[in-house]
Amino acid sequence: MMTHTAMVEAHSLSTTVEADLIVPSQFFDRIRAERSSQPEKRLMLAVMEDAISTFQKSVQGATRRQRRLLKDTEEWIGSADSGWPFSFENICAALDIEADYLRTGLKRWKGTLLAQCKRQDSAATHSPFRRVSGRRHSLSTGRSAFSRSAKAA
């Protein structure tokens, strides 16, 4: 016959081995919702996408506006300030993005693009074609002569 302590131990052992039953609502509450489904995270993602898009479009800085946008975006990306919710650091933390890695990648991308543009510009300035007459083309008659000859025919 089992003693009282042996029965208590057997009962506790059987309760620990039994499977826990949970209802579906308990199961799905434990699964985290996708981060992008939360409105704040979607807004932060939109801010990050806009900043990266602005950075990429403004790198060559053809206009004064593009240069200003690039400067503002680079200042925002380079800032280590985390005092306000939509700072670069806080958005990266909320979206589980390594801020320094993204900064380094954007700087490397900018450097590569500018180097490619510089190579293309230098290749375009040294034309492999020789100019014979100093002009690429010349018209022998004006435009009005063409229209008159077309009407006569």
Protein backbone atom coordinates (compact mmCIF):
# COMPACT_ATOMS: atom_id res chain seq x y z
CA MET A 1 0.00 0.00 0.00
CA MET A 2 1.14 3.53 -0.78
CA THR A 3 1.81 6.00 1.92
CA HIS A 4 0.21 9.38 1.91
CA THR A 5 3.42 11.16 0.75
CA ALA A 6 3.89 8.68 -2.08
CA MET A 7 0.33 9.34 -3.28
CA VAL A 8 0.88 13.12 -3.16
CA GLU A 9 4.11 12.75 -5.13
CA ALA A 10 2.43 10.53 -7.72
CA HIS A 11 -0.43 13.00 -8.07
CA SER A 12 1.92 15.97 -8.51
CA LEU A 13 3.95 14.00 -11.05
CA SER A 14 0.85 13.17 -13.07
CA THR A 15 -0.32 16.78 -13.10
CA THR A 16 3.03 18.03 -14.39
CA VAL A 17 3.11 15.48 -17.19
CA GLU A 18 -0.44 16.19 -18.37
CA ALA A 19 -0.83 18.51 -21.34
CA ASP A 20 -2.12 21.95 -20.61
CA LEU A 21 -5.34 22.73 -22.36
CA ILE A 22 -5.88 26.19 -23.70
CA VAL A 23 -8.65 27.64 -25.78
CA PRO A 24 -7.93 29.24 -29.19
CA SER A 25 -8.34 32.78 -27.88
CA GLN A 26 -5.61 32.14 -25.31
CA PHE A 27 -3.35 30.72 -28.01
CA PHE A 28 -3.81 33.59 -30.42
CA ASP A 29 -3.35 36.18 -27.66
CA ARG A 30 0.13 34.77 -27.08
CA ILE A 31 1.13 35.18 -30.70
CA ARG A 32 2.32 38.71 -31.27
CA ALA A 33 0.56 40.71 -33.89
CA GLU A 34 2.70 41.61 -36.86
CA ARG A 35 4.51 44.86 -36.12
CA SER A 36 3.41 46.55 -39.31
CA SER A 37 -0.25 46.02 -38.43
CA GLN A 38 -0.03 48.49 -35.55
CA PRO A 39 -0.91 52.04 -36.68
CA GLU A 40 2.07 53.68 -34.95
CA LYS A 41 4.49 51.22 -36.54
CA ARG A 42 2.93 51.73 -39.97
CA LEU A 43 3.35 55.50 -39.59
CA MET A 44 6.97 55.06 -38.50
CA LEU A 45 7.59 52.76 -41.45
CA ALA A 46 6.07 55.36 -43.80
CA VAL A 47 8.33 58.07 -42.34
CA MET A 48 11.39 55.84 -42.81
CA GLU A 49 10.40 54.92 -46.38
CA ASP A 50 9.86 58.59 -47.27
CA ALA A 51 13.22 59.58 -45.78
CA ILE A 52 15.10 56.88 -47.69
CA SER A 53 13.24 57.69 -50.90
CA THR A 54 14.01 61.41 -50.51
CA PHE A 55 17.65 60.58 -49.79
CA GLN A 56 17.94 58.42 -52.90
CA LYS A 57 16.20 60.91 -55.19
CA SER A 58 18.20 63.89 -53.91
CA VAL A 59 21.72 62.43 -53.85
CA GLN A 60 22.75 63.95 -57.16
CA GLY A 61 21.36 67.32 -56.06
CA ALA A 62 20.61 68.89 -59.44
CA THR A 63 18.40 71.61 -57.96
CA ARG A 64 18.67 73.79 -54.88
CA ARG A 65 15.58 72.11 -53.43
CA GLN A 66 17.10 68.64 -53.85
CA ARG A 67 20.31 69.76 -52.12
CA ARG A 68 18.29 71.19 -49.23
CA LEU A 69 16.22 68.00 -48.93
CA LEU A 70 19.37 65.89 -48.99
CA LYS A 71 20.97 68.03 -46.28
CA ASP A 72 17.85 67.79 -44.07
CA THR A 73 17.55 64.05 -44.58
CA GLU A 74 21.23 63.42 -43.89
CA GLU A 75 20.97 65.48 -40.68
CA TRP A 76 17.94 63.45 -39.57
CA ILE A 77 19.64 60.14 -40.38
CA GLY A 78 22.91 61.18 -38.75
CA SER A 79 21.32 62.48 -35.57
CA ALA A 80 21.76 60.39 -32.44
CA ASP A 81 18.95 62.29 -30.69
CA SER A 82 16.28 60.01 -29.30
CA GLY A 83 14.33 62.67 -27.43
CA TRP A 84 11.33 62.68 -29.72
CA PRO A 85 9.22 59.74 -30.98
CA PHE A 86 9.97 60.11 -34.68
CA SER A 87 13.73 60.49 -34.43
CA PHE A 88 15.78 58.17 -36.63
CA GLU A 89 17.02 56.24 -33.60
CA ASN A 90 13.51 55.66 -32.20
CA ILE A 91 12.04 54.63 -35.53
CA CYS A 92 14.86 52.16 -36.09
CA ALA A 93 14.37 50.75 -32.58
CA ALA A 94 10.60 50.42 -33.08
CA LEU A 95 11.05 48.66 -36.44
CA ASP A 96 13.91 46.44 -35.21
CA ILE A 97 16.41 47.98 -37.61
CA GLU A 98 20.02 48.50 -36.61
CA ALA A 99 20.46 52.27 -36.98
CA ASP A 100 24.23 52.25 -37.50
CA TYR A 101 23.99 49.51 -40.11
CA LEU A 102 21.38 51.47 -42.07
CA ARG A 103 23.44 54.68 -41.82
CA THR A 104 26.53 52.90 -43.10
CA GLY A 105 24.60 51.29 -45.94
CA LEU A 106 23.13 54.61 -47.07
CA LYS A 107 26.54 56.31 -46.98
CA ARG A 108 28.08 53.47 -48.97
CA TRP A 109 25.22 53.60 -51.52
CA LYS A 110 25.66 57.36 -51.90
CA GLY A 111 29.41 57.02 -52.40
CA THR A 112 28.96 54.30 -55.02
CA LEU A 113 26.34 56.29 -56.92
CA LEU A 114 28.39 59.48 -56.91
CA ALA A 115 31.48 57.58 -58.09
CA GLN A 116 29.47 56.05 -60.96
CA CYS A 117 28.11 59.45 -61.94
CA LYS A 118 31.59 60.93 -61.85
CA ARG A 119 32.93 58.16 -64.12
CA GLN A 120 30.04 58.67 -66.55
CA ASP A 121 30.59 62.44 -66.62
CA SER A 122 34.30 62.06 -67.27
CA ALA A 123 33.62 59.53 -70.03
CA ALA A 124 31.07 61.87 -71.62
CA THR A 125 33.47 64.83 -71.70
CA HIS A 126 36.07 62.87 -73.70
CA SER A 127 34.20 61.90 -76.83
CA PRO A 128 35.81 59.13 -78.87
CA PHE A 129 34.52 60.74 -82.07
CA ARG A 130 36.55 63.30 -83.93
CA ARG A 131 34.90 66.47 -85.14
CA VAL A 132 35.76 67.29 -88.70
CA SER A 133 34.28 70.71 -89.24
CA GLY A 134 33.87 71.95 -85.69
CA ARG A 135 30.08 71.51 -85.84
CA ARG A 136 28.21 68.28 -85.51
CA HIS A 137 25.74 69.16 -88.22
CA SER A 138 24.71 72.02 -90.40
CA LEU A 139 21.62 72.74 -92.42
CA SER A 140 22.04 74.06 -95.92
CA THR A 141 18.61 75.65 -96.10
CA GLY A 142 16.26 77.13 -93.56
CA ARG A 143 13.02 75.63 -92.43
CA SER A 144 10.91 77.84 -94.64
CA ALA A 145 12.68 76.46 -97.74
CA PHE A 146 11.61 72.95 -96.77
CA SER A 147 7.99 73.93 -96.40
CA ARG A 148 8.01 75.76 -99.77
CA SER A 149 9.51 72.78 -101.57
CA ALA A 150 6.93 70.49 -99.99
CA LYS A 151 4.04 72.73 -101.19
CA ALA A 152 5.45 72.91 -104.71
CA ALA A 153 5.61 69.15 -105.06
